Amino acid sequence: METKVKLVKLEPKDRTYLLKGKISPLSYFLASRDTPRRRLLYFDEETNSNHPLRYARNSNTPFQEDQDKNVILEPVVFEDGVLNVPKTNPVLQLFMHYHPGNGTEFYEFDNEKDAEEDVDMINIEIDALMMARELDVTSLEAIARLVLSKDVSTMKSSEIKRDMLLYAKRHPIEFIEAAEDPQLKINNLAARAISDGYLTFRAGKDIHYNFKENKKRLLTVPFGKDHIHVLVSYLQSDEGMELYKYLQEQMSEK
């Protein structure tokens, strides 16, 4: 019999399904057939149509429309939150695959997949730690300004290195993304220009030079805009290039 839904080909193997959530009742009966009171439908995106599901152990398909009239129905029961389905029962595995609760009510436990994901995450953590160890203090300071909720300008180099190593260990993906941000260095330079006193931000709206011979206003920050972002945009412009080079030289000497 040609089925109305093209069945997925599952790898022949024993499978284990686990209930989602922290509570695992002694016995949990999964909805195993479509009824007028409780619909159990699989939505086929290819045909834009719904197909009623029903688990019958003597059928070769989980779709009710493709089953004959002499079906043998059985409950699908999780014991202590676990359902083991051997490879000798492929129709139940197909039923679990197409069940609308797959991923929300329960999920398939895949030890090999979980191990691969753990290895990937460990490798990312190692990469982040190596990056944190090898980056210079200036770069680490730039990342710290971006990810830490504290005043980095008061921290010593050893404190920045320690906190960035800890951050890289706890949030490796976020650390790598921050370290690879092309705007990172100029953002840090702009922030340091103000925190180190080369420029001042006055009255919440103006950025001024803070040189001995020059206290003039450099920029007016538009309402609602971040003054660091405005300064970064200026330093990247042709007009601000000279100041950018000067700040680079001054800060590299510190």
C-alpha atoms as a PDB file:
ATOM      1  CA  MET A   1       0.000   0.000   0.000  1.00  0.00           C
ATOM      2  CA  GLU A   2       1.403   3.386  -0.979  1.00  0.00           C
ATOM      3  CA  THR A   3       1.398   5.724   1.985  1.00  0.00           C
ATOM      4  CA  LYS A   4       0.191   9.304   1.747  1.00  0.00           C
ATOM      5  CA  VAL A   5       3.168  10.444   3.820  1.00  0.00           C
ATOM      6  CA  LYS A   6       6.686   9.576   2.718  1.00  0.00           C
ATOM      7  CA  LEU A   7       8.105   7.775   5.745  1.00  0.00           C
ATOM      8  CA  VAL A   8      11.495   8.796   7.022  1.00  0.00           C
ATOM      9  CA  LYS A   9      14.159   6.087   7.075  1.00  0.00           C
ATOM     10  CA  LEU A  10      15.402   5.673  10.605  1.00  0.00           C
ATOM     11  CA  GLU A  11      18.695   3.979  11.344  1.00  0.00           C
ATOM     12  CA  PRO A  12      17.963   0.490  12.751  1.00  0.00           C
ATOM     13  CA  LYS A  13      18.978   0.695  16.402  1.00  0.00           C
ATOM     14  CA  ASP A  14      17.523   0.577  19.896  1.00  0.00           C
ATOM     15  CA  ARG A  15      16.220   3.968  20.996  1.00  0.00           C
ATOM     16  CA  THR A  16      15.489   5.552  24.351  1.00  0.00           C
ATOM     17  CA  TYR A  17      13.000   8.372  24.905  1.00  0.00           C
ATOM     18  CA  LEU A  18      12.874  10.568  27.997  1.00  0.00           C
ATOM     19  CA  LEU A  19      10.119  12.809  29.306  1.00  0.00           C
ATOM     20  CA  LYS A  20      11.012  16.476  29.406  1.00  0.00           C
ATOM     21  CA  GLY A  21      10.944  18.363  32.677  1.00  0.00           C
ATOM     22  CA  LYS A  22      12.170  17.573  36.152  1.00  0.00           C
ATOM     23  CA  ILE A  23       9.186  15.454  37.251  1.00  0.00           C
ATOM     24  CA  SER A  24       9.077  11.822  36.077  1.00  0.00           C
ATOM     25  CA  PRO A  25       5.868  10.024  37.160  1.00  0.00           C
ATOM     26  CA  LEU A  26       5.948   6.274  37.807  1.00  0.00           C
ATOM     27  CA  SER A  27       3.820   5.719  34.696  1.00  0.00           C
ATOM     28  CA  TYR A  28       3.045   8.244  31.999  1.00  0.00           C
ATOM     29  CA  PHE A  29       0.649   7.362  29.177  1.00  0.00           C
ATOM     30  CA  LEU A  30       1.537   9.160  25.975  1.00  0.00           C
ATOM     31  CA  ALA A  31      -1.329  10.022  23.635  1.00  0.00           C
ATOM     32  CA  SER A  32      -1.178   7.185  21.114  1.00  0.00           C
ATOM     33  CA  ARG A  33      -4.152   7.728  18.781  1.00  0.00           C
ATOM     34  CA  ASP A  34      -6.045  10.561  17.164  1.00  0.00           C
ATOM     35  CA  THR A  35      -9.592  11.062  18.473  1.00  0.00           C
ATOM     36  CA  PRO A  36     -12.208  13.802  18.004  1.00  0.00           C
ATOM     37  CA  ARG A  37     -11.674  14.876  21.629  1.00  0.00           C
ATOM     38  CA  ARG A  38      -7.892  14.753  21.515  1.00  0.00           C
ATOM     39  CA  ARG A  39      -6.339  15.318  18.137  1.00  0.00           C
ATOM     40  CA  LEU A  40      -3.014  13.679  17.398  1.00  0.00           C
ATOM     41  CA  LEU A  41      -1.881  14.969  14.025  1.00  0.00           C
ATOM     42  CA  TYR A  42       1.322  15.191  12.048  1.00  0.00           C
ATOM     43  CA  PHE A  43       1.564  18.225   9.782  1.00  0.00           C
ATOM     44  CA  ASP A  44       3.265  17.424   6.465  1.00  0.00           C
ATOM     45  CA  GLU A  45       4.889  20.608   5.177  1.00  0.00           C
ATOM     46  CA  GLU A  46       5.445  19.147   1.698  1.00  0.00           C
ATOM     47  CA  THR A  47       1.737  18.605   1.100  1.00  0.00           C
ATOM     48  CA  ASN A  48       0.506  21.247   3.577  1.00  0.00           C
ATOM     49  CA  SER A  49      -1.810  18.699   5.189  1.00  0.00           C
ATOM     50  CA  ASN A  50      -2.490  17.044   8.546  1.00  0.00           C
ATOM     51  CA  HIS A  51      -2.369  13.265   9.025  1.00  0.00           C
ATOM     52  CA  PRO A  52      -3.873  11.416  12.028  1.00  0.00           C
ATOM     53  CA  LEU A  53      -1.444   9.296  14.031  1.00  0.00           C
ATOM     54  CA  ARG A  54      -2.192   5.974  15.702  1.00  0.00           C
ATOM     55  CA  TYR A  55       0.157   3.415  17.192  1.00  0.00           C
ATOM     56  CA  ALA A  56      -0.701  -0.147  16.204  1.00  0.00           C
ATOM     57  CA  ARG A  57       1.916  -2.789  16.882  1.00  0.00           C
ATOM     58  CA  ASN A  58       0.863  -4.956  13.903  1.00  0.00           C
ATOM     59  CA  SER A  59       1.101  -2.116  11.382  1.00  0.00           C
ATOM     60  CA  ASN A  60       4.086  -0.900   9.388  1.00  0.00           C
ATOM     61  CA  THR A  61       3.055   2.766   9.521  1.00  0.00           C
ATOM     62  CA  PRO A  62       2.057   5.160  12.302  1.00  0.00           C
ATOM     63  CA  PHE A  63      -0.482   6.935  10.079  1.00  0.00           C
ATOM     64  CA  GLN A  64      -4.076   5.887  10.629  1.00  0.00           C
ATOM     65  CA  GLU A  65      -5.144   6.506   7.036  1.00  0.00           C
ATOM     66  CA  ASP A  66      -2.650   3.905   5.789  1.00  0.00           C
ATOM     67  CA  GLN A  67      -3.491   1.220   8.344  1.00  0.00           C
ATOM     68  CA  ASP A  68      -5.969  -1.617   7.729  1.00  0.00           C
ATOM     69  CA  LYS A  69      -9.020  -2.299   9.881  1.00  0.00           C
ATOM     70  CA  ASN A  70      -7.498  -5.165  11.864  1.00  0.00           C
ATOM     71  CA  VAL A  71      -5.139  -3.122  13.981  1.00  0.00           C
ATOM     72  CA  ILE A  72      -3.942  -4.089  17.439  1.00  0.00           C
ATOM     73  CA  LEU A  73      -3.727  -0.995  19.598  1.00  0.00           C
ATOM     74  CA  GLU A  74      -1.370  -0.729  22.543  1.00  0.00           C
ATOM     75  CA  PRO A  75      -0.683   2.087  25.010  1.00  0.00           C
ATOM     76  CA  VAL A  76       2.629   3.910  24.915  1.00  0.00           C
ATOM     77  CA  VAL A  77       3.845   4.131  28.490  1.00  0.00           C
ATOM     78  CA  PHE A  78       6.889   5.854  29.995  1.00  0.00           C
ATOM     79  CA  GLU A  79       8.067   4.117  33.172  1.00  0.00           C
ATOM     80  CA  ASP A  80       9.847   6.502  35.561  1.00  0.00           C
ATOM     81  CA  GLY A  81      10.122   8.959  32.673  1.00  0.00           C
ATOM     82  CA  VAL A  82      11.810   6.472  30.324  1.00  0.00           C
ATOM     83  CA  LEU A  83      10.595   4.579  27.251  1.00  0.00           C
ATOM     84  CA  ASN A  84      12.925   2.029  25.646  1.00  0.00           C
ATOM     85  CA  VAL A  85      12.017   0.992  22.113  1.00  0.00           C
ATOM     86  CA  PRO A  86      14.068  -1.839  20.551  1.00  0.00           C
ATOM     87  CA  LYS A  87      14.998  -1.855  16.878  1.00  0.00           C
ATOM     88  CA  THR A  88      12.605  -4.799  16.461  1.00  0.00           C
ATOM     89  CA  ASN A  89       9.714  -2.338  16.899  1.00  0.00           C
ATOM     90  CA  PRO A  90      10.335   0.146  14.080  1.00  0.00           C
ATOM     91  CA  VAL A  91       6.700   1.274  13.841  1.00  0.00           C
ATOM     92  CA  LEU A  92       6.781   2.601  17.425  1.00  0.00           C
ATOM     93  CA  GLN A  93      10.021   4.405  16.663  1.00  0.00           C
ATOM     94  CA  LEU A  94       8.338   5.974  13.625  1.00  0.00           C
ATOM     95  CA  PHE A  95       5.329   6.881  15.744  1.00  0.00           C
ATOM     96  CA  MET A  96       7.603   8.614  18.274  1.00  0.00           C
ATOM     97  CA  HIS A  97       9.423  10.409  15.465  1.00  0.00           C
ATOM     98  CA  TYR A  98       6.235  11.904  14.014  1.00  0.00           C
ATOM     99  CA  HIS A  99       4.480  12.498  17.352  1.00  0.00           C
ATOM    100  CA  PRO A 100       3.692  16.230  17.880  1.00  0.00           C
ATOM    101  CA  GLY A 101       5.071  15.926  21.423  1.00  0.00           C
ATOM    102  CA  ASN A 102       8.534  15.014  20.132  1.00  0.00           C
ATOM    103  CA  GLY A 103      10.840  17.751  21.424  1.00  0.00           C
ATOM    104  CA  THR A 104       8.277  19.333  23.752  1.00  0.00           C
ATOM    105  CA  GLU A 105       6.712  16.476  25.725  1.00  0.00           C
ATOM    106  CA  PHE A 106       9.601  14.040  25.327  1.00  0.00           C
ATOM    107  CA  TYR A 107      12.884  13.714  23.461  1.00  0.00           C
ATOM    108  CA  GLU A 108      15.124  10.959  22.148  1.00  0.00           C
ATOM    109  CA  PHE A 109      18.195  10.357  24.273  1.00  0.00           C
ATOM    110  CA  ASP A 110      21.222   9.920  22.032  1.00  0.00           C
ATOM    111  CA  ASN A 111      24.329   9.137  24.089  1.00  0.00           C
ATOM    112  CA  GLU A 112      26.663   9.378  21.089  1.00  0.00           C
ATOM    113  CA  LYS A 113      25.213  12.716  19.988  1.00  0.00           C
ATOM    114  CA  ASP A 114      25.373  14.070  23.535  1.00  0.00           C
ATOM    115  CA  ALA A 115      29.010  12.962  23.799  1.00  0.00           C
ATOM    116  CA  GLU A 116      29.853  14.697  20.504  1.00  0.00           C
ATOM    117  CA  GLU A 117      28.183  17.897  21.692  1.00  0.00           C
ATOM    118  CA  ASP A 118      30.092  17.705  24.981  1.00  0.00           C
ATOM    119  CA  VAL A 119      33.389  17.285  23.115  1.00  0.00           C
ATOM    120  CA  ASP A 120      32.556  20.242  20.855  1.00  0.00           C
ATOM    121  CA  MET A 121      31.758  22.404  23.880  1.00  0.00           C
ATOM    122  CA  ILE A 122      34.968  21.375  25.663  1.00  0.00           C
ATOM    123  CA  ASN A 123      37.003  22.238  22.558  1.00  0.00           C
ATOM    124  CA  ILE A 124      35.325  25.653  22.365  1.00  0.00           C
ATOM    125  CA  GLU A 125      36.154  26.224  26.029  1.00  0.00           C
ATOM    126  CA  ILE A 126      39.797  25.278  25.399  1.00  0.00           C
ATOM    127  CA  ASP A 127      39.950  27.626  22.397  1.00  0.00           C
ATOM    128  CA  ALA A 128      38.519  30.474  24.470  1.00  0.00           C
ATOM    129  CA  LEU A 129      40.976  29.886  27.331  1.00  0.00           C
ATOM    130  CA  MET A 130      43.940  29.746  24.954  1.00  0.00           C
ATOM    131  CA  MET A 131      42.764  32.956  23.311  1.00  0.00           C
ATOM    132  CA  ALA A 132      42.376  34.640  26.713  1.00  0.00           C
ATOM    133  CA  ARG A 133      45.867  33.501  27.719  1.00  0.00           C
ATOM    134  CA  GLU A 134      47.526  34.713  24.521  1.00  0.00           C
ATOM    135  CA  LEU A 135      45.794  38.080  24.062  1.00  0.00           C
ATOM    136  CA  ASP A 136      47.642  41.186  25.246  1.00  0.00           C
ATOM    137  CA  VAL A 137      46.315  43.156  28.207  1.00  0.00           C
ATOM    138  CA  THR A 138      44.986  45.942  25.985  1.00  0.00           C
ATOM    139  CA  SER A 139      42.814  43.495  24.048  1.00  0.00           C
ATOM    140  CA  LEU A 140      41.658  41.805  27.254  1.00  0.00           C
ATOM    141  CA  GLU A 141      40.785  45.189  28.693  1.00  0.00           C
ATOM    142  CA  ALA A 142      38.720  45.953  25.595  1.00  0.00           C
ATOM    143  CA  ILE A 143      36.791  42.703  26.019  1.00  0.00           C
ATOM    144  CA  ALA A 144      36.363  43.376  29.736  1.00  0.00           C
ATOM    145  CA  ARG A 145      34.798  46.753  28.998  1.00  0.00           C
ATOM    146  CA  LEU A 146      32.331  44.996  26.745  1.00  0.00           C
ATOM    147  CA  VAL A 147      31.329  42.028  28.894  1.00  0.00           C
ATOM    148  CA  LEU A 148      31.935  42.978  32.546  1.00  0.00           C
ATOM    149  CA  SER A 149      29.565  45.092  34.600  1.00  0.00           C
ATOM    150  CA  LYS A 150      32.320  46.897  36.501  1.00  0.00           C
ATOM    151  CA  ASP A 151      34.671  49.848  36.071  1.00  0.00           C
ATOM    152  CA  VAL A 152      37.572  48.315  34.168  1.00  0.00           C
ATOM    153  CA  SER A 153      39.652  51.487  34.387  1.00  0.00           C
ATOM    154  CA  THR A 154      40.310  50.826  38.101  1.00  0.00           C
ATOM    155  CA  MET A 155      41.435  47.226  37.582  1.00  0.00           C
ATOM    156  CA  LYS A 156      45.068  46.125  37.516  1.00  0.00           C
ATOM    157  CA  SER A 157      46.440  44.041  34.658  1.00  0.00           C
ATOM    158  CA  SER A 158      46.514  40.891  36.772  1.00  0.00           C
ATOM    159  CA  GLU A 159      42.855  41.397  37.727  1.00  0.00           C
ATOM    160  CA  ILE A 160      41.827  41.838  34.098  1.00  0.00           C
ATOM    161  CA  LYS A 161      43.704  38.684  33.063  1.00  0.00           C
ATOM    162  CA  ARG A 162      42.133  36.664  35.879  1.00  0.00           C
ATOM    163  CA  ASP A 163      38.591  37.885  35.228  1.00  0.00           C
ATOM    164  CA  MET A 164      38.893  37.323  31.490  1.00  0.00           C
ATOM    165  CA  LEU A 165      40.189  33.766  31.975  1.00  0.00           C
ATOM    166  CA  LEU A 166      37.238  33.066  34.262  1.00  0.00           C
ATOM    167  CA  TYR A 167      34.821  34.641  31.786  1.00  0.00           C
ATOM    168  CA  ALA A 168      36.297  32.636  28.903  1.00  0.00           C
ATOM    169  CA  LYS A 169      35.821  29.432  30.894  1.00  0.00           C
ATOM    170  CA  ARG A 170      32.225  30.209  31.870  1.00  0.00           C
ATOM    171  CA  HIS A 171      31.117  31.850  28.609  1.00  0.00           C
ATOM    172  CA  PRO A 172      33.488  30.575  25.897  1.00  0.00           C
ATOM    173  CA  ILE A 173      31.279  31.339  22.898  1.00  0.00           C
ATOM    174  CA  GLU A 174      30.549  34.893  24.044  1.00  0.00           C
ATOM    175  CA  PHE A 175      34.248  35.486  24.782  1.00  0.00           C
ATOM    176  CA  ILE A 176      35.353  34.323  21.325  1.00  0.00           C
ATOM    177  CA  GLU A 177      32.681  36.447  19.626  1.00  0.00           C
ATOM    178  CA  ALA A 178      33.800  39.499  21.610  1.00  0.00           C
ATOM    179  CA  ALA A 179      37.484  38.852  20.889  1.00  0.00           C
ATOM    180  CA  GLU A 180      36.804  38.584  17.149  1.00  0.00           C
ATOM    181  CA  ASP A 181      34.733  41.776  16.997  1.00  0.00           C
ATOM    182  CA  PRO A 182      36.543  44.096  14.549  1.00  0.00           C
ATOM    183  CA  GLN A 183      35.252  47.153  16.437  1.00  0.00           C
ATOM    184  CA  LEU A 184      36.701  45.986  19.732  1.00  0.00           C
ATOM    185  CA  LYS A 185      39.997  47.893  19.738  1.00  0.00           C
ATOM    186  CA  ILE A 186      38.631  51.239  18.637  1.00  0.00           C
ATOM    187  CA  ASN A 187      35.760  50.967  21.131  1.00  0.00           C
ATOM    188  CA  ASN A 188      38.298  50.369  23.869  1.00  0.00           C
ATOM    189  CA  LEU A 189      40.442  53.261  22.694  1.00  0.00           C
ATOM    190  CA  ALA A 190      37.448  55.604  22.777  1.00  0.00           C
ATOM    191  CA  ALA A 191      36.454  54.437  26.265  1.00  0.00           C
ATOM    192  CA  ARG A 192      40.024  54.799  27.540  1.00  0.00           C
ATOM    193  CA  ALA A 193      40.331  58.256  25.994  1.00  0.00           C
ATOM    194  CA  ILE A 194      37.623  59.409  28.381  1.00  0.00           C
ATOM    195  CA  SER A 195      38.438  57.242  31.421  1.00  0.00           C
ATOM    196  CA  ASP A 196      42.152  58.177  31.229  1.00  0.00           C
ATOM    197  CA  GLY A 197      41.331  61.872  30.923  1.00  0.00           C
ATOM    198  CA  TYR A 198      42.424  62.671  27.363  1.00  0.00           C
ATOM    199  CA  LEU A 199      38.840  63.713  26.670  1.00  0.00           C
ATOM    200  CA  THR A 200      35.970  64.585  29.012  1.00  0.00           C
ATOM    201  CA  PHE A 201      32.234  64.015  28.755  1.00  0.00           C
ATOM    202  CA  ARG A 202      30.446  67.015  30.255  1.00  0.00           C
ATOM    203  CA  ALA A 203      26.844  67.704  31.220  1.00  0.00           C
ATOM    204  CA  GLY A 204      25.742  64.457  29.622  1.00  0.00           C
ATOM    205  CA  LYS A 205      25.915  65.931  26.137  1.00  0.00           C
ATOM    206  CA  ASP A 206      29.357  67.272  25.129  1.00  0.00           C
ATOM    207  CA  ILE A 207      32.768  65.671  24.613  1.00  0.00           C
ATOM    208  CA  HIS A 208      35.664  68.071  25.184  1.00  0.00           C
ATOM    209  CA  TYR A 209      39.386  67.952  24.665  1.00  0.00           C
ATOM    210  CA  ASN A 210      41.210  67.739  27.995  1.00  0.00           C
ATOM    211  CA  PHE A 211      44.690  68.800  26.955  1.00  0.00           C
ATOM    212  CA  LYS A 212      46.572  71.437  28.912  1.00  0.00           C
ATOM    213  CA  GLU A 213      46.440  73.852  26.010  1.00  0.00           C
ATOM    214  CA  ASN A 214      43.062  72.776  24.623  1.00  0.00           C
ATOM    215  CA  LYS A 215      39.765  72.368  26.520  1.00  0.00           C
ATOM    216  CA  LYS A 216      37.507  73.082  23.550  1.00  0.00           C
ATOM    217  CA  ARG A 217      34.382  71.113  22.743  1.00  0.00           C
ATOM    218  CA  LEU A 218      35.031  68.284  20.318  1.00  0.00           C
ATOM    219  CA  LEU A 219      31.563  66.798  19.819  1.00  0.00           C
ATOM    220  CA  THR A 220      27.954  67.229  20.856  1.00  0.00           C
ATOM    221  CA  VAL A 221      26.273  63.891  21.499  1.00  0.00           C
ATOM    222  CA  PRO A 222      22.759  63.677  20.002  1.00  0.00           C
ATOM    223  CA  PHE A 223      19.984  63.018  22.509  1.00  0.00           C
ATOM    224  CA  GLY A 224      19.563  59.321  23.274  1.00  0.00           C
ATOM    225  CA  LYS A 225      22.895  58.339  21.714  1.00  0.00           C
ATOM    226  CA  ASP A 226      25.770  56.636  23.564  1.00  0.00           C
ATOM    227  CA  HIS A 227      28.716  59.017  23.846  1.00  0.00           C
ATOM    228  CA  ILE A 228      31.284  56.235  23.311  1.00  0.00           C
ATOM    229  CA  HIS A 229      29.610  55.120  20.075  1.00  0.00           C
ATOM    230  CA  VAL A 230      29.486  58.738  18.873  1.00  0.00           C
ATOM    231  CA  LEU A 231      33.189  59.166  19.655  1.00  0.00           C
ATOM    232  CA  VAL A 232      34.023  55.901  17.863  1.00  0.00           C
ATOM    233  CA  SER A 233      32.211  57.114  14.739  1.00  0.00           C
ATOM    234  CA  TYR A 234      34.154  60.374  14.868  1.00  0.00           C
ATOM    235  CA  LEU A 235      37.532  58.652  15.300  1.00  0.00           C
ATOM    236  CA  GLN A 236      36.790  56.490  12.241  1.00  0.00           C
ATOM    237  CA  SER A 237      36.027  59.512  10.081  1.00  0.00           C
ATOM    238  CA  ASP A 238      38.557  61.446   8.024  1.00  0.00           C
ATOM    239  CA  GLU A 239      38.144  64.417  10.364  1.00  0.00           C
ATOM    240  CA  GLY A 240      38.931  62.337  13.442  1.00  0.00           C
ATOM    241  CA  MET A 241      41.862  60.350  12.029  1.00  0.00           C
ATOM    242  CA  GLU A 242      44.526  62.689  13.419  1.00  0.00           C
ATOM    243  CA  LEU A 243      43.082  62.481  16.944  1.00  0.00           C
ATOM    244  CA  TYR A 244      42.778  58.698  16.608  1.00  0.00           C
ATOM    245  CA  LYS A 245      46.475  58.364  15.759  1.00  0.00           C
ATOM    246  CA  TYR A 246      47.444  60.701  18.598  1.00  0.00           C
ATOM    247  CA  LEU A 247      45.435  58.703  21.158  1.00  0.00           C
ATOM    248  CA  GLN A 248      46.951  55.466  19.867  1.00  0.00           C
ATOM    249  CA  GLU A 249      50.459  56.830  20.368  1.00  0.00           C
ATOM    250  CA  GLN A 250      49.729  58.203  23.849  1.00  0.00           C
ATOM    251  CA  MET A 251      48.087  55.040  25.114  1.00  0.00           C
ATOM    252  CA  SER A 252      50.700  52.706  23.694  1.00  0.00           C
ATOM    253  CA  GLU A 253      53.296  54.514  25.797  1.00  0.00           C
ATOM    254  CA  LYS A 254      51.395  53.855  29.050  1.00  0.00           C
END
